[in-house]
C-alpha atoms as a PDB file:
ATOM      1  CA  MET A   1       0.095   0.048  -0.186  1.00  0.00           C
ATOM      2  CA  THR A   2       1.356   3.399  -0.941  1.00  0.00           C
ATOM      3  CA  THR A   3       0.896   6.584   0.949  1.00  0.00           C
ATOM      4  CA  THR A   4       0.707  10.055  -0.654  1.00  0.00           C
ATOM      5  CA  SER A   5       1.088  13.362   1.315  1.00  0.00           C
ATOM      6  CA  ALA A   6      -1.071  15.058  -0.912  1.00  0.00           C
ATOM      7  CA  ASN A   7      -4.740  15.876   0.025  1.00  0.00           C
ATOM      8  CA  PRO A   8      -7.039  14.138  -2.554  1.00  0.00           C
ATOM      9  CA  ALA A   9      -9.779  16.773  -2.096  1.00  0.00           C
ATOM     10  CA  THR A  10      -7.095  19.517  -3.326  1.00  0.00           C
ATOM     11  CA  PRO A  11      -6.549  19.442  -7.066  1.00  0.00           C
ATOM     12  CA  THR A  12      -2.971  19.622  -8.043  1.00  0.00           C
ATOM     13  CA  PRO A  13      -1.616  21.187 -11.221  1.00  0.00           C
ATOM     14  CA  ARG A  14      -0.552  19.022 -14.139  1.00  0.00           C
ATOM     15  CA  ASP A  15       3.166  20.021 -13.565  1.00  0.00           C
ATOM     16  CA  GLY A  16       3.122  19.391  -9.922  1.00  0.00           C
ATOM     17  CA  SER A  17       5.221  22.416  -9.249  1.00  0.00           C
ATOM     18  CA  SER A  18       4.389  24.370  -5.934  1.00  0.00           C
ATOM     19  CA  ARG A  19       4.680  27.853  -7.975  1.00  0.00           C
ATOM     20  CA  ALA A  20       1.601  26.558 -10.410  1.00  0.00           C
ATOM     21  CA  ARG A  21      -0.235  25.406  -7.288  1.00  0.00           C
ATOM     22  CA  ARG A  22      -0.061  28.831  -5.611  1.00  0.00           C
ATOM     23  CA  LEU A  23      -0.886  30.686  -8.797  1.00  0.00           C
ATOM     24  CA  ARG A  24      -3.680  28.507  -9.342  1.00  0.00           C
ATOM     25  CA  ARG A  25      -5.111  29.336  -5.708  1.00  0.00           C
ATOM     26  CA  THR A  26      -4.384  32.979  -5.870  1.00  0.00           C
ATOM     27  CA  LEU A  27      -5.397  33.948  -9.464  1.00  0.00           C
ATOM     28  CA  TYR A  28      -8.957  34.652  -9.962  1.00  0.00           C
ATOM     29  CA  ARG A  29     -10.259  34.631 -13.477  1.00  0.00           C
ATOM     30  CA  GLY A  30     -13.575  36.021 -13.410  1.00  0.00           C
ATOM     31  CA  ASP A  31     -16.074  35.812 -16.052  1.00  0.00           C
ATOM     32  CA  PRO A  32     -17.201  39.248 -17.617  1.00  0.00           C
ATOM     33  CA  GLY A  33     -19.762  40.074 -15.205  1.00  0.00           C
ATOM     34  CA  MET A  34     -17.237  40.242 -12.338  1.00  0.00           C
ATOM     35  CA  TRP A  35     -15.060  42.628 -14.621  1.00  0.00           C
ATOM     36  CA  SER A  36     -17.948  44.702 -15.502  1.00  0.00           C
ATOM     37  CA  TRP A  37     -18.605  45.008 -11.722  1.00  0.00           C
ATOM     38  CA  VAL A  38     -15.027  46.022 -11.029  1.00  0.00           C
ATOM     39  CA  LEU A  39     -15.041  48.575 -13.845  1.00  0.00           C
ATOM     40  CA  HIS A  40     -18.483  49.898 -12.531  1.00  0.00           C
ATOM     41  CA  ARG A  41     -16.859  50.534  -9.013  1.00  0.00           C
ATOM     42  CA  ASN A  42     -13.703  51.973 -10.583  1.00  0.00           C
ATOM     43  CA  THR A  43     -15.500  54.331 -12.841  1.00  0.00           C
ATOM     44  CA  GLY A  44     -17.769  55.482 -10.081  1.00  0.00           C
ATOM     45  CA  ALA A  45     -15.021  56.164  -7.642  1.00  0.00           C
ATOM     46  CA  THR A  46     -13.142  58.201 -10.474  1.00  0.00           C
ATOM     47  CA  ILE A  47     -16.441  60.238 -11.385  1.00  0.00           C
ATOM     48  CA  PHE A  48     -16.822  60.933  -7.330  1.00  0.00           C
ATOM     49  CA  PHE A  49     -13.160  61.926  -7.314  1.00  0.00           C
ATOM     50  CA  PHE A  50     -13.575  64.267  -9.995  1.00  0.00           C
ATOM     51  CA  LEU A  51     -16.783  65.799  -8.863  1.00  0.00           C
ATOM     52  CA  PHE A  52     -15.105  66.412  -5.247  1.00  0.00           C
ATOM     53  CA  ILE A  53     -12.451  68.322  -7.040  1.00  0.00           C
ATOM     54  CA  HIS A  54     -14.784  70.103  -9.020  1.00  0.00           C
ATOM     55  CA  VAL A  55     -16.596  71.516  -6.234  1.00  0.00           C
ATOM     56  CA  LEU A  56     -13.678  72.271  -4.530  1.00  0.00           C
ATOM     57  CA  ASP A  57     -12.117  74.485  -7.312  1.00  0.00           C
ATOM     58  CA  THR A  58     -15.292  75.999  -8.191  1.00  0.00           C
ATOM     59  CA  ALA A  59     -16.051  77.329  -4.577  1.00  0.00           C
ATOM     60  CA  LEU A  60     -12.572  78.675  -4.846  1.00  0.00           C
ATOM     61  CA  VAL A  61     -13.995  81.462  -6.890  1.00  0.00           C
ATOM     62  CA  ARG A  62     -15.864  82.716  -4.076  1.00  0.00           C
ATOM     63  CA  VAL A  63     -12.515  83.151  -1.830  1.00  0.00           C
ATOM     64  CA  SER A  64     -10.409  84.620  -4.363  1.00  0.00           C
ATOM     65  CA  PRO A  65     -11.067  85.000  -7.955  1.00  0.00           C
ATOM     66  CA  GLN A  66      -7.235  85.292  -8.876  1.00  0.00           C
ATOM     67  CA  ALA A  67      -6.609  81.931  -7.158  1.00  0.00           C
ATOM     68  CA  TYR A  68      -9.287  80.322  -9.045  1.00  0.00           C
ATOM     69  CA  ASP A  69      -8.109  81.585 -12.389  1.00  0.00           C
ATOM     70  CA  GLU A  70      -4.442  80.297 -11.315  1.00  0.00           C
ATOM     71  CA  ILE A  71      -5.937  76.775 -10.633  1.00  0.00           C
ATOM     72  CA  ILE A  72      -7.848  76.700 -13.878  1.00  0.00           C
ATOM     73  CA  SER A  73      -4.835  77.739 -15.897  1.00  0.00           C
ATOM     74  CA  THR A  74      -2.959  74.539 -14.540  1.00  0.00           C
ATOM     75  CA  TYR A  75      -5.922  72.321 -15.960  1.00  0.00           C
ATOM     76  CA  LYS A  76      -5.011  73.651 -19.485  1.00  0.00           C
ATOM     77  CA  THR A  77      -2.424  70.779 -20.337  1.00  0.00           C
ATOM     78  CA  PRO A  78      -2.343  67.981 -22.690  1.00  0.00           C
ATOM     79  CA  ILE A  79      -2.395  65.469 -19.856  1.00  0.00           C
ATOM     80  CA  VAL A  80      -5.537  67.060 -18.255  1.00  0.00           C
ATOM     81  CA  GLY A  81      -6.887  66.875 -21.627  1.00  0.00           C
ATOM     82  CA  LEU A  82      -6.481  63.295 -21.840  1.00  0.00           C
ATOM     83  CA  MET A  83      -7.923  62.828 -18.194  1.00  0.00           C
ATOM     84  CA  GLU A  84     -10.959  64.613 -19.396  1.00  0.00           C
ATOM     85  CA  LEU A  85     -11.064  61.984 -22.370  1.00  0.00           C
ATOM     86  CA  GLY A  86     -10.780  59.550 -19.651  1.00  0.00           C
ATOM     87  CA  LEU A  87     -13.733  61.105 -17.656  1.00  0.00           C
ATOM     88  CA  VAL A  88     -15.869  61.128 -20.550  1.00  0.00           C
ATOM     89  CA  ALA A  89     -15.287  57.174 -21.113  1.00  0.00           C
ATOM     90  CA  ALA A  90     -15.840  56.625 -17.385  1.00  0.00           C
ATOM     91  CA  VAL A  91     -19.087  58.636 -17.352  1.00  0.00           C
ATOM     92  CA  LEU A  92     -20.346  56.734 -20.423  1.00  0.00           C
ATOM     93  CA  TYR A  93     -19.405  53.333 -19.114  1.00  0.00           C
ATOM     94  CA  HIS A  94     -20.892  53.961 -15.650  1.00  0.00           C
ATOM     95  CA  ALA A  95     -24.093  55.376 -17.339  1.00  0.00           C
ATOM     96  CA  LEU A  96     -24.504  52.576 -19.646  1.00  0.00           C
ATOM     97  CA  ASN A  97     -23.542  49.943 -17.272  1.00  0.00           C
ATOM     98  CA  GLY A  98     -26.182  51.315 -14.574  1.00  0.00           C
ATOM     99  CA  VAL A  99     -28.826  50.872 -17.048  1.00  0.00           C
ATOM    100  CA  ARG A 100     -27.721  47.221 -17.281  1.00  0.00           C
ATOM    101  CA  VAL A 101     -27.751  46.769 -13.513  1.00  0.00           C
ATOM    102  CA  ILE A 102     -31.265  48.560 -13.199  1.00  0.00           C
ATOM    103  CA  LEU A 103     -32.481  46.059 -15.746  1.00  0.00           C
ATOM    104  CA  ILE A 104     -31.060  43.081 -13.954  1.00  0.00           C
ATOM    105  CA  ASP A 105     -32.659  44.149 -10.856  1.00  0.00           C
ATOM    106  CA  PHE A 106     -35.932  45.047 -12.022  1.00  0.00           C
ATOM    107  CA  TRP A 107     -36.752  43.129 -15.167  1.00  0.00           C
ATOM    108  CA  ALA A 108     -37.809  39.559 -14.908  1.00  0.00           C
ATOM    109  CA  GLN A 109     -35.584  38.322 -17.522  1.00  0.00           C
ATOM    110  CA  GLY A 110     -32.863  40.392 -16.554  1.00  0.00           C
ATOM    111  CA  THR A 111     -30.447  37.755 -15.107  1.00  0.00           C
ATOM    112  CA  ARG A 112     -30.953  35.665 -18.090  1.00  0.00           C
ATOM    113  CA  TYR A 113     -29.869  38.288 -20.565  1.00  0.00           C
ATOM    114  CA  GLN A 114     -27.045  39.856 -18.340  1.00  0.00           C
ATOM    115  CA  ARG A 115     -24.297  38.706 -20.315  1.00  0.00           C
ATOM    116  CA  LEU A 116     -25.785  39.862 -23.733  1.00  0.00           C
ATOM    117  CA  MET A 117     -26.506  42.986 -22.128  1.00  0.00           C
ATOM    118  CA  LEU A 118     -22.892  43.564 -21.039  1.00  0.00           C
ATOM    119  CA  TRP A 119     -21.902  43.001 -24.868  1.00  0.00           C
ATOM    120  CA  ALA A 120     -24.500  45.380 -26.045  1.00  0.00           C
ATOM    121  CA  ILE A 121     -23.309  47.996 -23.676  1.00  0.00           C
ATOM    122  CA  GLY A 122     -19.785  47.360 -24.766  1.00  0.00           C
ATOM    123  CA  ALA A 123     -20.821  47.998 -28.390  1.00  0.00           C
ATOM    124  CA  VAL A 124     -23.033  50.923 -27.600  1.00  0.00           C
ATOM    125  CA  TRP A 125     -20.140  52.255 -25.465  1.00  0.00           C
ATOM    126  CA  LEU A 126     -17.561  52.009 -28.425  1.00  0.00           C
ATOM    127  CA  LEU A 127     -19.983  53.646 -30.734  1.00  0.00           C
ATOM    128  CA  VAL A 128     -20.272  56.638 -28.456  1.00  0.00           C
ATOM    129  CA  VAL A 129     -16.888  56.961 -27.103  1.00  0.00           C
ATOM    130  CA  VAL A 130     -15.106  56.878 -30.348  1.00  0.00           C
ATOM    131  CA  PRO A 131     -16.850  59.868 -31.753  1.00  0.00           C
ATOM    132  CA  ALA A 132     -16.500  61.600 -28.354  1.00  0.00           C
ATOM    133  CA  ALA A 133     -12.848  60.915 -28.449  1.00  0.00           C
ATOM    134  CA  VAL A 134     -12.528  62.532 -31.798  1.00  0.00           C
ATOM    135  CA  VAL A 135     -14.462  65.605 -30.576  1.00  0.00           C
ATOM    136  CA  VAL A 136     -12.088  65.829 -27.370  1.00  0.00           C
ATOM    137  CA  GLY A 137      -8.914  65.301 -29.572  1.00  0.00           C
ATOM    138  CA  ILE A 138      -9.998  67.884 -32.247  1.00  0.00           C
ATOM    139  CA  HIS A 139     -10.478  70.258 -29.230  1.00  0.00           C
ATOM    140  CA  MET A 140      -7.192  69.331 -27.710  1.00  0.00           C
ATOM    141  CA  VAL A 141      -5.308  69.886 -30.938  1.00  0.00           C
ATOM    142  CA  GLY A 142      -6.828  73.265 -31.474  1.00  0.00           C
ATOM    143  CA  HIS A 143      -6.332  74.390 -28.173  1.00  0.00           C
ATOM    144  CA  PHE A 144      -2.561  73.026 -27.396  1.00  0.00           C
ATOM    145  CA  ARG A 145      -1.379  74.613 -30.937  1.00  0.00           C
END
């Protein structure tokens, strides 16, 4: 009779290495629904951060209009222009995925079609974000010339 030290309930990797076993236990490869949840949370946090900064710098106009003008002038850089494009992309994804979440929650067939709706919002997002990127890009080229 032979004895093994491996737990029969724990599947072992094909190559048997401890590194492969460690990676298999710690690396979660979720389905698209999980990634949409992560992206929805990240875009929500990004939008919240933008709104927080926006309220602070807009409130600065009451304290000192000159300081407000200085702060706004620091925003007129190509990097901030790219951040604006990222903000547009984040708002569009967050809004579209929010409609998807509402449909999943309140439509009787929502859970059945949630994956199809995810791919549909991805397609709609691309169809909307590409023209928005062109418009923001044209604005940036004209502004930073």
